[in-house]
Amino acid sequence: MIHFVPRDNIVQHAELRRMTVNEYAPDSGQANEYRTLADKIINNQFFAVPTPIEMDELEDLLIEFGILESEDKCSKTD
């Protein structure tokens, strides 16, 4: 993975207006994330064919970046 792009609610606001985030809110944190991703892609020197990751690895990334709570932190209701 070259860059993790968190998703902000500003994406939905831009989509409703049929605009990109960079058009709708060019100074937003989300727009900066897209610029950072573009810069990393353009300047990438590591030309490897990516391999898919397992679901467990994806879940670990989501937990690491605060998108998903780990099961031990979730309260379960029965």
PDB file of N, CA and C in Angstrom:
ATOM      1  N   MET A   1       0.853  -1.169   0.000  1.00  0.00           N
ATOM      2  CA  MET A   1       0.000   0.000   0.000  1.00  0.00           C
ATOM      3  C   MET A   1       0.898   1.231   0.000  1.00  0.00           C
ATOM      4  N   ILE A   2       0.617   2.132  -0.884  1.00  0.00           N
ATOM      5  CA  ILE A   2       1.448   3.324  -1.024  1.00  0.00           C
ATOM      6  C   ILE A   2       0.984   4.455  -0.105  1.00  0.00           C
ATOM      7  N   HIS A   3      -0.323   4.515   0.178  1.00  0.00           N
ATOM      8  CA  HIS A   3      -0.856   5.574   1.042  1.00  0.00           C
ATOM      9  C   HIS A   3      -2.268   5.207   1.473  1.00  0.00           C
ATOM     10  N   PHE A   4      -2.569   5.425   2.740  1.00  0.00           N
ATOM     11  CA  PHE A   4      -3.926   5.200   3.244  1.00  0.00           C
ATOM     12  C   PHE A   4      -4.682   6.516   3.189  1.00  0.00           C
ATOM     13  N   VAL A   5      -5.829   6.517   2.533  1.00  0.00           N
ATOM     14  CA  VAL A   5      -6.651   7.728   2.425  1.00  0.00           C
ATOM     15  C   VAL A   5      -7.877   7.554   3.310  1.00  0.00           C
ATOM     16  N   PRO A   6      -7.923   8.273   4.431  1.00  0.00           N
ATOM     17  CA  PRO A   6      -9.135   8.204   5.254  1.00  0.00           C
ATOM     18  C   PRO A   6     -10.290   8.869   4.516  1.00  0.00           C
ATOM     19  N   ARG A   7     -11.496   8.476   4.834  1.00  0.00           N
ATOM     20  CA  ARG A   7     -12.658   9.064   4.163  1.00  0.00           C
ATOM     21  C   ARG A   7     -13.352  10.010   5.129  1.00  0.00           C
ATOM     22  N   ASP A   8     -13.530  11.219   4.679  1.00  0.00           N
ATOM     23  CA  ASP A   8     -14.170  12.270   5.459  1.00  0.00           C
ATOM     24  C   ASP A   8     -15.563  12.521   4.886  1.00  0.00           C
ATOM     25  N   ASN A   9     -16.476  13.045   5.697  1.00  0.00           N
ATOM     26  CA  ASN A   9     -17.829  13.349   5.224  1.00  0.00           C
ATOM     27  C   ASN A   9     -17.839  14.375   4.099  1.00  0.00           C
ATOM     28  N   ILE A  10     -16.757  15.110   3.951  1.00  0.00           N
ATOM     29  CA  ILE A  10     -16.695  16.111   2.879  1.00  0.00           C
ATOM     30  C   ILE A  10     -16.803  15.446   1.506  1.00  0.00           C
ATOM     31  N   VAL A  11     -16.454  14.161   1.434  1.00  0.00           N
ATOM     32  CA  VAL A  11     -16.577  13.425   0.171  1.00  0.00           C
ATOM     33  C   VAL A  11     -18.041  13.391  -0.268  1.00  0.00           C
ATOM     34  N   GLN A  12     -18.940  13.087   0.668  1.00  0.00           N
ATOM     35  CA  GLN A  12     -20.365  13.049   0.332  1.00  0.00           C
ATOM     36  C   GLN A  12     -20.876  14.425  -0.065  1.00  0.00           C
ATOM     37  N   HIS A  13     -20.412  15.466   0.615  1.00  0.00           N
ATOM     38  CA  HIS A  13     -20.832  16.833   0.272  1.00  0.00           C
ATOM     39  C   HIS A  13     -20.422  17.170  -1.162  1.00  0.00           C
ATOM     40  N   ALA A  14     -19.209  16.803  -1.527  1.00  0.00           N
ATOM     41  CA  ALA A  14     -18.734  17.061  -2.892  1.00  0.00           C
ATOM     42  C   ALA A  14     -19.511  16.220  -3.904  1.00  0.00           C
ATOM     43  N   GLU A  15     -19.744  14.951  -3.569  1.00  0.00           N
ATOM     44  CA  GLU A  15     -20.477  14.073  -4.487  1.00  0.00           C
ATOM     45  C   GLU A  15     -21.883  14.593  -4.760  1.00  0.00           C
ATOM     46  N   LEU A  16     -22.559  15.084  -3.722  1.00  0.00           N
ATOM     47  CA  LEU A  16     -23.913  15.624  -3.900  1.00  0.00           C
ATOM     48  C   LEU A  16     -23.930  16.806  -4.862  1.00  0.00           C
ATOM     49  N   ARG A  17     -22.824  17.514  -4.931  1.00  0.00           N
ATOM     50  CA  ARG A  17     -22.710  18.670  -5.833  1.00  0.00           C
ATOM     51  C   ARG A  17     -22.055  18.293  -7.163  1.00  0.00           C
ATOM     52  N   ARG A  18     -21.845  16.974  -7.347  1.00  0.00           N
ATOM     53  CA  ARG A  18     -21.206  16.454  -8.566  1.00  0.00           C
ATOM     54  C   ARG A  18     -19.846  17.105  -8.817  1.00  0.00           C
ATOM     55  N   MET A  19     -19.099  17.208  -7.733  1.00  0.00           N
ATOM     56  CA  MET A  19     -17.768  17.802  -7.792  1.00  0.00           C
ATOM     57  C   MET A  19     -16.779  16.847  -7.139  1.00  0.00           C
ATOM     58  N   THR A  20     -15.519  17.022  -7.472  1.00  0.00           N
ATOM     59  CA  THR A  20     -14.480  16.312  -6.734  1.00  0.00           C
ATOM     60  C   THR A  20     -14.233  17.068  -5.434  1.00  0.00           C
ATOM     61  N   VAL A  21     -13.615  16.410  -4.488  1.00  0.00           N
ATOM     62  CA  VAL A  21     -13.272  17.084  -3.236  1.00  0.00           C
ATOM     63  C   VAL A  21     -12.311  18.232  -3.518  1.00  0.00           C
ATOM     64  N   ASN A  22     -11.391  18.032  -4.449  1.00  0.00           N
ATOM     65  CA  ASN A  22     -10.424  19.089  -4.757  1.00  0.00           C
ATOM     66  C   ASN A  22     -11.091  20.302  -5.388  1.00  0.00           C
ATOM     67  N   GLU A  23     -12.203  20.099  -6.088  1.00  0.00           N
ATOM     68  CA  GLU A  23     -12.957  21.233  -6.631  1.00  0.00           C
ATOM     69  C   GLU A  23     -13.797  21.893  -5.536  1.00  0.00           C
ATOM     70  N   TYR A  24     -14.471  21.072  -4.736  1.00  0.00           N
ATOM     71  CA  TYR A  24     -15.410  21.554  -3.723  1.00  0.00           C
ATOM     72  C   TYR A  24     -14.706  22.217  -2.538  1.00  0.00           C
ATOM     73  N   ALA A  25     -13.660  21.583  -2.053  1.00  0.00           N
ATOM     74  CA  ALA A  25     -12.967  22.086  -0.858  1.00  0.00           C
ATOM     75  C   ALA A  25     -11.461  21.876  -1.019  1.00  0.00           C
ATOM     76  N   PRO A  26     -10.828  22.668  -1.872  1.00  0.00           N
ATOM     77  CA  PRO A  26      -9.411  22.441  -2.180  1.00  0.00           C
ATOM     78  C   PRO A  26      -8.466  22.589  -0.990  1.00  0.00           C
ATOM     79  N   ASP A  27      -8.880  23.288   0.049  1.00  0.00           N
ATOM     80  CA  ASP A  27      -8.011  23.478   1.214  1.00  0.00           C
ATOM     81  C   ASP A  27      -8.303  22.487   2.337  1.00  0.00           C
ATOM     82  N   SER A  28      -9.187  21.528   2.104  1.00  0.00           N
ATOM     83  CA  SER A  28      -9.572  20.574   3.150  1.00  0.00           C
ATOM     84  C   SER A  28      -8.489  19.522   3.372  1.00  0.00           C
ATOM     85  N   GLY A  29      -8.565  18.890   4.518  1.00  0.00           N
ATOM     86  CA  GLY A  29      -7.647  17.799   4.824  1.00  0.00           C
ATOM     87  C   GLY A  29      -7.784  16.649   3.845  1.00  0.00           C
ATOM     88  N   GLN A  30      -9.025  16.371   3.414  1.00  0.00           N
ATOM     89  CA  GLN A  30      -9.256  15.285   2.461  1.00  0.00           C
ATOM     90  C   GLN A  30      -8.590  15.588   1.123  1.00  0.00           C
ATOM     91  N   ALA A  31      -8.702  16.831   0.664  1.00  0.00           N
ATOM     92  CA  ALA A  31      -8.042  17.225  -0.587  1.00  0.00           C
ATOM     93  C   ALA A  31      -6.529  17.067  -0.449  1.00  0.00           C
ATOM     94  N   ASN A  32      -5.999  17.406   0.716  1.00  0.00           N
ATOM     95  CA  ASN A  32      -4.561  17.233   0.954  1.00  0.00           C
ATOM     96  C   ASN A  32      -4.163  15.762   0.897  1.00  0.00           C
ATOM     97  N   GLU A  33      -5.029  14.879   1.417  1.00  0.00           N
ATOM     98  CA  GLU A  33      -4.749  13.441   1.346  1.00  0.00           C
ATOM     99  C   GLU A  33      -4.661  12.982  -0.105  1.00  0.00           C
ATOM    100  N   TYR A  34      -5.578  13.470  -0.950  1.00  0.00           N
ATOM    101  CA  TYR A  34      -5.553  13.091  -2.364  1.00  0.00           C
ATOM    102  C   TYR A  34      -4.295  13.620  -3.050  1.00  0.00           C
ATOM    103  N   ARG A  35      -3.874  14.836  -2.700  1.00  0.00           N
ATOM    104  CA  ARG A  35      -2.645  15.385  -3.284  1.00  0.00           C
ATOM    105  C   ARG A  35      -1.424  14.581  -2.835  1.00  0.00           C
ATOM    106  N   THR A  36      -1.425  14.184  -1.558  1.00  0.00           N
ATOM    107  CA  THR A  36      -0.323  13.366  -1.045  1.00  0.00           C
ATOM    108  C   THR A  36      -0.264  12.034  -1.781  1.00  0.00           C
ATOM    109  N   LEU A  37      -1.429  11.408  -1.985  1.00  0.00           N
ATOM    110  CA  LEU A  37      -1.481  10.149  -2.728  1.00  0.00           C
ATOM    111  C   LEU A  37      -0.964  10.335  -4.152  1.00  0.00           C
ATOM    112  N   ALA A  38      -1.417  11.378  -4.821  1.00  0.00           N
ATOM    113  CA  ALA A  38      -0.972  11.639  -6.197  1.00  0.00           C
ATOM    114  C   ALA A  38       0.540  11.832  -6.252  1.00  0.00           C
ATOM    115  N   ASP A  39       1.077  12.582  -5.294  1.00  0.00           N
ATOM    116  CA  ASP A  39       2.521  12.819  -5.249  1.00  0.00           C
ATOM    117  C   ASP A  39       3.287  11.510  -5.055  1.00  0.00           C
ATOM    118  N   LYS A  40       2.767  10.655  -4.167  1.00  0.00           N
ATOM    119  CA  LYS A  40       3.432   9.373  -3.925  1.00  0.00           C
ATOM    120  C   LYS A  40       3.384   8.478  -5.159  1.00  0.00           C
ATOM    121  N   ILE A  41       2.280   8.520  -5.891  1.00  0.00           N
ATOM    122  CA  ILE A  41       2.175   7.712  -7.114  1.00  0.00           C
ATOM    123  C   ILE A  41       3.143   8.230  -8.175  1.00  0.00           C
ATOM    124  N   ILE A  42       3.155   9.537  -8.365  1.00  0.00           N
ATOM    125  CA  ILE A  42       4.026  10.138  -9.385  1.00  0.00           C
ATOM    126  C   ILE A  42       5.499   9.885  -9.085  1.00  0.00           C
ATOM    127  N   ASN A  43       5.874   9.985  -7.809  1.00  0.00           N
ATOM    128  CA  ASN A  43       7.281   9.857  -7.429  1.00  0.00           C
ATOM    129  C   ASN A  43       7.691   8.443  -7.030  1.00  0.00           C
ATOM    130  N   ASN A  44       6.785   7.484  -7.169  1.00  0.00           N
ATOM    131  CA  ASN A  44       7.075   6.105  -6.789  1.00  0.00           C
ATOM    132  C   ASN A  44       8.196   5.528  -7.652  1.00  0.00           C
ATOM    133  N   GLN A  45       9.170   4.932  -7.008  1.00  0.00           N
ATOM    134  CA  GLN A  45      10.268   4.271  -7.713  1.00  0.00           C
ATOM    135  C   GLN A  45      10.257   2.758  -7.479  1.00  0.00           C
ATOM    136  N   PHE A  46       9.295   2.299  -6.693  1.00  0.00           N
ATOM    137  CA  PHE A  46       9.203   0.877  -6.365  1.00  0.00           C
ATOM    138  C   PHE A  46       8.130   0.257  -7.256  1.00  0.00           C
ATOM    139  N   PHE A  47       8.544  -0.269  -8.390  1.00  0.00           N
ATOM    140  CA  PHE A  47       7.613  -0.793  -9.381  1.00  0.00           C
ATOM    141  C   PHE A  47       7.376  -2.284  -9.147  1.00  0.00           C
ATOM    142  N   ALA A  48       6.440  -2.577  -8.299  1.00  0.00           N
ATOM    143  CA  ALA A  48       6.112  -3.959  -7.980  1.00  0.00           C
ATOM    144  C   ALA A  48       4.647  -4.215  -8.311  1.00  0.00           C
ATOM    145  N   VAL A  49       4.359  -5.436  -8.652  1.00  0.00           N
ATOM    146  CA  VAL A  49       2.974  -5.828  -8.874  1.00  0.00           C
ATOM    147  C   VAL A  49       2.377  -6.141  -7.506  1.00  0.00           C
ATOM    148  N   PRO A  50       1.334  -5.410  -7.117  1.00  0.00           N
ATOM    149  CA  PRO A  50       0.767  -5.641  -5.787  1.00  0.00           C
ATOM    150  C   PRO A  50       0.067  -6.995  -5.706  1.00  0.00           C
ATOM    151  N   THR A  51       0.061  -7.552  -4.522  1.00  0.00           N
ATOM    152  CA  THR A  51      -0.678  -8.787  -4.277  1.00  0.00           C
ATOM    153  C   THR A  51      -1.804  -8.473  -3.299  1.00  0.00           C
ATOM    154  N   PRO A  52      -2.938  -9.118  -3.462  1.00  0.00           N
ATOM    155  CA  PRO A  52      -4.059  -8.854  -2.554  1.00  0.00           C
ATOM    156  C   PRO A  52      -3.693  -9.228  -1.122  1.00  0.00           C
ATOM    157  N   ILE A  53      -4.279  -8.514  -0.179  1.00  0.00           N
ATOM    158  CA  ILE A  53      -4.059  -8.857   1.225  1.00  0.00           C
ATOM    159  C   ILE A  53      -5.249  -9.662   1.727  1.00  0.00           C
ATOM    160  N   GLU A  54      -5.009 -10.411   2.770  1.00  0.00           N
ATOM    161  CA  GLU A  54      -6.066 -11.209   3.383  1.00  0.00           C
ATOM    162  C   GLU A  54      -6.993 -10.294   4.177  1.00  0.00           C
ATOM    163  N   MET A  55      -8.212 -10.756   4.421  1.00  0.00           N
ATOM    164  CA  MET A  55      -9.196  -9.970   5.157  1.00  0.00           C
ATOM    165  C   MET A  55      -8.677  -9.590   6.542  1.00  0.00           C
ATOM    166  N   ASP A  56      -7.979 -10.496   7.217  1.00  0.00           N
ATOM    167  CA  ASP A  56      -7.425 -10.190   8.540  1.00  0.00           C
ATOM    168  C   ASP A  56      -6.439  -9.028   8.473  1.00  0.00           C
ATOM    169  N   GLU A  57      -5.615  -9.000   7.428  1.00  0.00           N
ATOM    170  CA  GLU A  57      -4.661  -7.899   7.257  1.00  0.00           C
ATOM    171  C   GLU A  57      -5.390  -6.581   7.020  1.00  0.00           C
ATOM    172  N   LEU A  58      -6.460  -6.630   6.220  1.00  0.00           N
ATOM    173  CA  LEU A  58      -7.254  -5.435   5.962  1.00  0.00           C
ATOM    174  C   LEU A  58      -7.885  -4.928   7.250  1.00  0.00           C
ATOM    175  N   GLU A  59      -8.449  -5.821   8.035  1.00  0.00           N
ATOM    176  CA  GLU A  59      -9.050  -5.427   9.308  1.00  0.00           C
ATOM    177  C   GLU A  59      -8.011  -4.822  10.236  1.00  0.00           C
ATOM    178  N   ASP A  60      -6.807  -5.390  10.266  1.00  0.00           N
ATOM    179  CA  ASP A  60      -5.732  -4.831  11.092  1.00  0.00           C
ATOM    180  C   ASP A  60      -5.390  -3.406  10.662  1.00  0.00           C
ATOM    181  N   LEU A  61      -5.354  -3.157   9.350  1.00  0.00           N
ATOM    182  CA  LEU A  61      -5.089  -1.805   8.850  1.00  0.00           C
ATOM    183  C   LEU A  61      -6.202  -0.845   9.252  1.00  0.00           C
ATOM    184  N   LEU A  62      -7.445  -1.297   9.140  1.00  0.00           N
ATOM    185  CA  LEU A  62      -8.575  -0.448   9.514  1.00  0.00           C
ATOM    186  C   LEU A  62      -8.535  -0.103  10.995  1.00  0.00           C
ATOM    187  N   ILE A  63      -8.152  -1.048  11.817  1.00  0.00           N
ATOM    188  CA  ILE A  63      -8.016  -0.790  13.253  1.00  0.00           C
ATOM    189  C   ILE A  63      -6.853   0.164  13.501  1.00  0.00           C
ATOM    190  N   GLU A  64      -5.732  -0.079  12.843  1.00  0.00           N
ATOM    191  CA  GLU A  64      -4.543   0.770  13.012  1.00  0.00           C
ATOM    192  C   GLU A  64      -4.835   2.228  12.670  1.00  0.00           C
ATOM    193  N   PHE A  65      -5.614   2.457  11.623  1.00  0.00           N
ATOM    194  CA  PHE A  65      -5.911   3.818  11.195  1.00  0.00           C
ATOM    195  C   PHE A  65      -7.182   4.377  11.826  1.00  0.00           C
ATOM    196  N   GLY A  66      -7.757   3.656  12.787  1.00  0.00           N
ATOM    197  CA  GLY A  66      -8.895   4.177  13.534  1.00  0.00           C
ATOM    198  C   GLY A  66     -10.220   4.146  12.798  1.00  0.00           C
ATOM    199  N   ILE A  67     -10.317   3.368  11.740  1.00  0.00           N
ATOM    200  CA  ILE A  67     -11.560   3.274  10.980  1.00  0.00           C
ATOM    201  C   ILE A  67     -12.489   2.237  11.601  1.00  0.00           C
ATOM    202  N   LEU A  68     -11.916   1.229  12.224  1.00  0.00           N
ATOM    203  CA  LEU A  68     -12.665   0.124  12.803  1.00  0.00           C
ATOM    204  C   LEU A  68     -12.165  -0.100  14.217  1.00  0.00           C
ATOM    205  N   GLU A  69     -13.094  -0.380  15.146  1.00  0.00           N
ATOM    206  CA  GLU A  69     -12.691  -0.694  16.515  1.00  0.00           C
ATOM    207  C   GLU A  69     -12.316  -2.161  16.602  1.00  0.00           C
ATOM    208  N   SER A  70     -11.321  -2.452  17.420  1.00  0.00           N
ATOM    209  CA  SER A  70     -10.962  -3.849  17.616  1.00  0.00           C
ATOM    210  C   SER A  70     -12.062  -4.522  18.427  1.00  0.00           C
ATOM    211  N   GLU A  71     -12.190  -5.832  18.269  1.00  0.00           N
ATOM    212  CA  GLU A  71     -13.263  -6.563  18.933  1.00  0.00           C
ATOM    213  C   GLU A  71     -13.184  -6.456  20.444  1.00  0.00           C
ATOM    214  N   ASP A  72     -11.983  -6.387  21.004  1.00  0.00           N
ATOM    215  CA  ASP A  72     -11.866  -6.296  22.457  1.00  0.00           C
ATOM    216  C   ASP A  72     -12.323  -4.943  22.986  1.00  0.00           C
ATOM    217  N   LYS A  73     -12.405  -3.923  22.131  1.00  0.00           N
ATOM    218  CA  LYS A  73     -12.876  -2.606  22.555  1.00  0.00           C
ATOM    219  C   LYS A  73     -14.371  -2.428  22.328  1.00  0.00           C
ATOM    220  N   CYS A  74     -14.945  -3.281  21.496  1.00  0.00           N
ATOM    221  CA  CYS A  74     -16.375  -3.190  21.195  1.00  0.00           C
ATOM    222  C   CYS A  74     -17.168  -3.832  22.319  1.00  0.00           C
ATOM    223  N   SER A  75     -18.259  -3.188  22.680  1.00  0.00           N
ATOM    224  CA  SER A  75     -19.144  -3.819  23.657  1.00  0.00           C
ATOM    225  C   SER A  75     -20.182  -4.608  22.889  1.00  0.00           C
ATOM    226  N   LYS A  76     -20.333  -5.833  23.256  1.00  0.00           N
ATOM    227  CA  LYS A  76     -21.276  -6.704  22.562  1.00  0.00           C
ATOM    228  C   LYS A  76     -22.551  -6.803  23.382  1.00  0.00           C
ATOM    229  N   THR A  77     -23.663  -6.720  22.693  1.00  0.00           N
ATOM    230  CA  THR A  77     -24.951  -6.882  23.359  1.00  0.00           C
ATOM    231  C   THR A  77     -25.584  -8.175  22.883  1.00  0.00           C
ATOM    232  N   ASP A  78     -26.140  -8.894  23.799  1.00  0.00           N
ATOM    233  CA  ASP A  78     -26.786 -10.163  23.430  1.00  0.00           C
ATOM    234  C   ASP A  78     -28.271 -10.015  23.551  1.00  0.00           C
TER     235      ASP A  78
END
